[in-house]
Amino acid sequence: MSTWAAALVAAAAIGFTYFFCVRPMMRGRGHCGMSGGASREQQRGVTKREIADLREDLRILRAQEQLRRQAPPSADG
């Protein structure tokens, strides 16, 4: 690829980033236009669901560990 073509691709990438991410954030929308347009409330809801799912996974893992420690040793070793 020639130097001019590479420079043109880089300039286009910078332009798209500015118009679809930087400019909307400066206008107070608060999110990148390429991120799907989820509002802050929607993002918070997703984050809260993910945290709840991770806490549930952690609870299950702790319960399994507790059961494993309480189980008598098997005859197989």
N, C-alpha and C. Protein backbone atom coordinates (compact mmCIF):
# COMPACT_ATOMS: atom_id res chain seq x y z
N MET A 1 0.85 -1.16 0.00
CA MET A 1 0.00 0.00 0.00
C MET A 1 0.91 1.24 0.00
N SER A 2 0.57 2.17 -0.76
CA SER A 2 1.39 3.38 -0.83
C SER A 2 1.21 4.23 0.42
N THR A 3 2.13 5.12 0.62
CA THR A 3 2.09 6.00 1.78
C THR A 3 0.85 6.89 1.76
N TRP A 4 0.46 7.35 0.59
CA TRP A 4 -0.73 8.20 0.48
C TRP A 4 -1.99 7.44 0.82
N ALA A 5 -2.08 6.20 0.39
CA ALA A 5 -3.27 5.40 0.69
C ALA A 5 -3.35 5.13 2.19
N ALA A 6 -2.21 4.82 2.81
CA ALA A 6 -2.19 4.58 4.25
C ALA A 6 -2.59 5.85 5.01
N ALA A 7 -2.10 6.99 4.56
CA ALA A 7 -2.46 8.25 5.20
C ALA A 7 -3.95 8.55 5.04
N LEU A 8 -4.49 8.23 3.89
CA LEU A 8 -5.92 8.44 3.65
C LEU A 8 -6.77 7.54 4.55
N VAL A 9 -6.37 6.28 4.69
CA VAL A 9 -7.10 5.35 5.58
C VAL A 9 -7.02 5.84 7.02
N ALA A 10 -5.84 6.28 7.46
CA ALA A 10 -5.69 6.78 8.83
C ALA A 10 -6.54 8.04 9.05
N ALA A 11 -6.55 8.94 8.08
CA ALA A 11 -7.37 10.15 8.21
C ALA A 11 -8.85 9.81 8.26
N ALA A 12 -9.27 8.85 7.47
CA ALA A 12 -10.68 8.43 7.50
C ALA A 12 -11.04 7.83 8.86
N ALA A 13 -10.15 7.02 9.42
CA ALA A 13 -10.41 6.42 10.73
C ALA A 13 -10.51 7.50 11.81
N ILE A 14 -9.63 8.47 11.75
CA ILE A 14 -9.67 9.57 12.72
C ILE A 14 -10.96 10.38 12.55
N GLY A 15 -11.34 10.61 11.32
CA GLY A 15 -12.58 11.35 11.07
C GLY A 15 -13.81 10.63 11.58
N PHE A 16 -13.90 9.33 11.31
CA PHE A 16 -15.04 8.55 11.80
C PHE A 16 -15.08 8.53 13.32
N THR A 17 -13.92 8.37 13.94
CA THR A 17 -13.87 8.38 15.40
C THR A 17 -14.35 9.71 15.96
N TYR A 18 -13.93 10.79 15.34
CA TYR A 18 -14.37 12.10 15.81
C TYR A 18 -15.88 12.27 15.65
N PHE A 19 -16.40 12.00 14.45
CA PHE A 19 -17.81 12.27 14.19
C PHE A 19 -18.75 11.32 14.91
N PHE A 20 -18.35 10.08 15.15
CA PHE A 20 -19.27 9.12 15.76
C PHE A 20 -19.01 8.86 17.23
N CYS A 21 -17.89 9.30 17.79
CA CYS A 21 -17.61 9.08 19.21
C CYS A 21 -17.35 10.38 19.96
N VAL A 22 -16.37 11.13 19.52
CA VAL A 22 -15.95 12.32 20.26
C VAL A 22 -17.02 13.39 20.23
N ARG A 23 -17.53 13.72 19.08
CA ARG A 23 -18.52 14.79 18.94
C ARG A 23 -19.81 14.49 19.72
N PRO A 24 -20.38 13.28 19.62
CA PRO A 24 -21.59 13.02 20.43
C PRO A 24 -21.32 13.12 21.93
N MET A 25 -20.13 12.72 22.37
CA MET A 25 -19.83 12.81 23.79
C MET A 25 -19.70 14.27 24.23
N MET A 26 -19.17 15.12 23.36
CA MET A 26 -19.04 16.53 23.69
C MET A 26 -20.39 17.22 23.73
N ARG A 27 -21.36 16.71 23.04
CA ARG A 27 -22.70 17.30 23.03
C ARG A 27 -23.54 16.85 24.22
N GLY A 28 -22.97 16.01 25.08
CA GLY A 28 -23.67 15.61 26.29
C GLY A 28 -24.46 14.34 26.18
N ARG A 29 -24.33 13.63 25.09
CA ARG A 29 -25.05 12.36 24.98
C ARG A 29 -24.41 11.30 25.87
N GLY A 30 -23.11 11.43 26.11
CA GLY A 30 -22.46 10.59 27.09
C GLY A 30 -22.07 9.20 26.64
N HIS A 31 -22.21 8.87 25.38
CA HIS A 31 -21.78 7.55 24.93
C HIS A 31 -21.30 7.63 23.49
N CYS A 32 -20.53 6.67 23.12
CA CYS A 32 -20.02 6.61 21.76
C CYS A 32 -21.15 6.17 20.84
N GLY A 33 -21.29 6.82 19.71
CA GLY A 33 -22.34 6.48 18.76
C GLY A 33 -22.20 5.09 18.17
N MET A 34 -21.00 4.53 18.21
CA MET A 34 -20.78 3.19 17.68
C MET A 34 -21.10 2.11 18.69
N SER A 35 -21.40 2.46 19.91
CA SER A 35 -21.62 1.46 20.96
C SER A 35 -23.05 0.92 20.97
N GLY A 36 -23.84 1.25 20.03
CA GLY A 36 -25.19 0.73 19.98
C GLY A 36 -26.23 1.70 20.49
N GLY A 37 -25.82 2.82 21.04
CA GLY A 37 -26.75 3.84 21.44
C GLY A 37 -27.50 3.57 22.73
N ALA A 38 -26.96 2.70 23.58
CA ALA A 38 -27.63 2.41 24.85
C ALA A 38 -27.53 3.62 25.76
N SER A 39 -28.63 3.91 26.43
CA SER A 39 -28.63 5.04 27.35
C SER A 39 -27.89 4.66 28.63
N ARG A 40 -27.62 5.65 29.44
CA ARG A 40 -26.92 5.38 30.70
C ARG A 40 -27.75 4.47 31.60
N GLU A 41 -29.07 4.66 31.60
CA GLU A 41 -29.93 3.82 32.42
C GLU A 41 -29.87 2.37 31.95
N GLN A 42 -29.87 2.17 30.64
CA GLN A 42 -29.77 0.82 30.11
C GLN A 42 -28.42 0.20 30.45
N GLN A 43 -27.36 0.99 30.35
CA GLN A 43 -26.03 0.48 30.69
C GLN A 43 -25.95 0.12 32.16
N ARG A 44 -26.55 0.95 33.01
CA ARG A 44 -26.55 0.65 34.44
C ARG A 44 -27.33 -0.63 34.71
N GLY A 45 -28.45 -0.81 34.01
CA GLY A 45 -29.23 -2.03 34.20
C GLY A 45 -28.45 -3.27 33.80
N VAL A 46 -27.74 -3.17 32.68
CA VAL A 46 -26.92 -4.29 32.22
C VAL A 46 -25.83 -4.58 33.23
N THR A 47 -25.19 -3.53 33.72
CA THR A 47 -24.11 -3.70 34.70
C THR A 47 -24.64 -4.33 35.98
N LYS A 48 -25.81 -3.87 36.44
CA LYS A 48 -26.39 -4.44 37.66
C LYS A 48 -26.74 -5.91 37.47
N ARG A 49 -27.25 -6.27 36.28
CA ARG A 49 -27.55 -7.67 36.00
C ARG A 49 -26.28 -8.51 35.99
N GLU A 50 -25.23 -7.98 35.38
CA GLU A 50 -23.96 -8.71 35.34
C GLU A 50 -23.40 -8.91 36.74
N ILE A 51 -23.48 -7.88 37.57
CA ILE A 51 -23.00 -7.99 38.95
C ILE A 51 -23.81 -9.02 39.70
N ALA A 52 -25.13 -9.00 39.53
CA ALA A 52 -25.98 -9.98 40.20
C ALA A 52 -25.65 -11.40 39.73
N ASP A 53 -25.42 -11.58 38.44
CA ASP A 53 -25.06 -12.90 37.91
C ASP A 53 -23.72 -13.36 38.48
N LEU A 54 -22.76 -12.46 38.56
CA LEU A 54 -21.45 -12.82 39.10
C LEU A 54 -21.54 -13.16 40.59
N ARG A 55 -22.36 -12.43 41.31
CA ARG A 55 -22.54 -12.75 42.73
C ARG A 55 -23.18 -14.12 42.91
N GLU A 56 -24.14 -14.43 42.06
CA GLU A 56 -24.77 -15.74 42.12
C GLU A 56 -23.77 -16.84 41.79
N ASP A 57 -22.94 -16.62 40.78
CA ASP A 57 -21.90 -17.60 40.43
C ASP A 57 -20.93 -17.80 41.60
N LEU A 58 -20.56 -16.71 42.24
CA LEU A 58 -19.66 -16.78 43.38
C LEU A 58 -20.30 -17.54 44.53
N ARG A 59 -21.58 -17.29 44.77
CA ARG A 59 -22.29 -18.00 45.83
C ARG A 59 -22.30 -19.50 45.56
N ILE A 60 -22.56 -19.88 44.31
CA ILE A 60 -22.59 -21.29 43.94
C ILE A 60 -21.21 -21.93 44.11
N LEU A 61 -20.18 -21.23 43.67
CA LEU A 61 -18.82 -21.77 43.80
C LEU A 61 -18.43 -21.95 45.27
N ARG A 62 -18.81 -21.00 46.11
CA ARG A 62 -18.51 -21.13 47.54
C ARG A 62 -19.27 -22.30 48.15
N ALA A 63 -20.52 -22.49 47.75
CA ALA A 63 -21.31 -23.61 48.26
C ALA A 63 -20.70 -24.94 47.80
N GLN A 64 -20.27 -25.02 46.55
CA GLN A 64 -19.64 -26.24 46.06
C GLN A 64 -18.35 -26.53 46.81
N GLU A 65 -17.57 -25.50 47.08
CA GLU A 65 -16.32 -25.67 47.81
C GLU A 65 -16.60 -26.16 49.23
N GLN A 66 -17.62 -25.60 49.85
CA GLN A 66 -18.00 -26.02 51.20
C GLN A 66 -18.42 -27.48 51.20
N LEU A 67 -19.20 -27.89 50.22
CA LEU A 67 -19.62 -29.30 50.14
C LEU A 67 -18.43 -30.22 49.90
N ARG A 68 -17.50 -29.77 49.07
CA ARG A 68 -16.32 -30.58 48.77
C ARG A 68 -15.48 -30.77 50.04
N ARG A 69 -15.38 -29.74 50.86
CA ARG A 69 -14.59 -29.84 52.10
C ARG A 69 -15.28 -30.72 53.12
N GLN A 70 -16.61 -30.74 53.12
CA GLN A 70 -17.34 -31.53 54.11
C GLN A 70 -17.48 -32.98 53.70
N ALA A 71 -17.31 -33.31 52.44
CA ALA A 71 -17.48 -34.68 51.95
C ALA A 71 -16.37 -35.56 52.52
N PRO A 72 -16.73 -36.80 52.92
CA PRO A 72 -15.69 -37.70 53.41
C PRO A 72 -14.75 -38.10 52.27
N PRO A 73 -13.50 -38.39 52.58
CA PRO A 73 -12.57 -38.78 51.51
C PRO A 73 -13.03 -40.09 50.86
N SER A 74 -12.85 -40.13 49.56
CA SER A 74 -13.30 -41.34 48.83
C SER A 74 -12.28 -42.46 49.00
N ALA A 75 -12.72 -43.68 48.79
CA ALA A 75 -11.85 -44.85 48.91
C ALA A 75 -10.82 -44.89 47.77
N ASP A 76 -11.11 -44.20 46.67
CA ASP A 76 -10.19 -44.20 45.53
C ASP A 76 -8.94 -43.36 45.83
N GLY A 77 -8.97 -42.49 46.77
CA GLY A 77 -7.79 -41.71 47.12
C GLY A 77 -7.97 -40.33 46.75
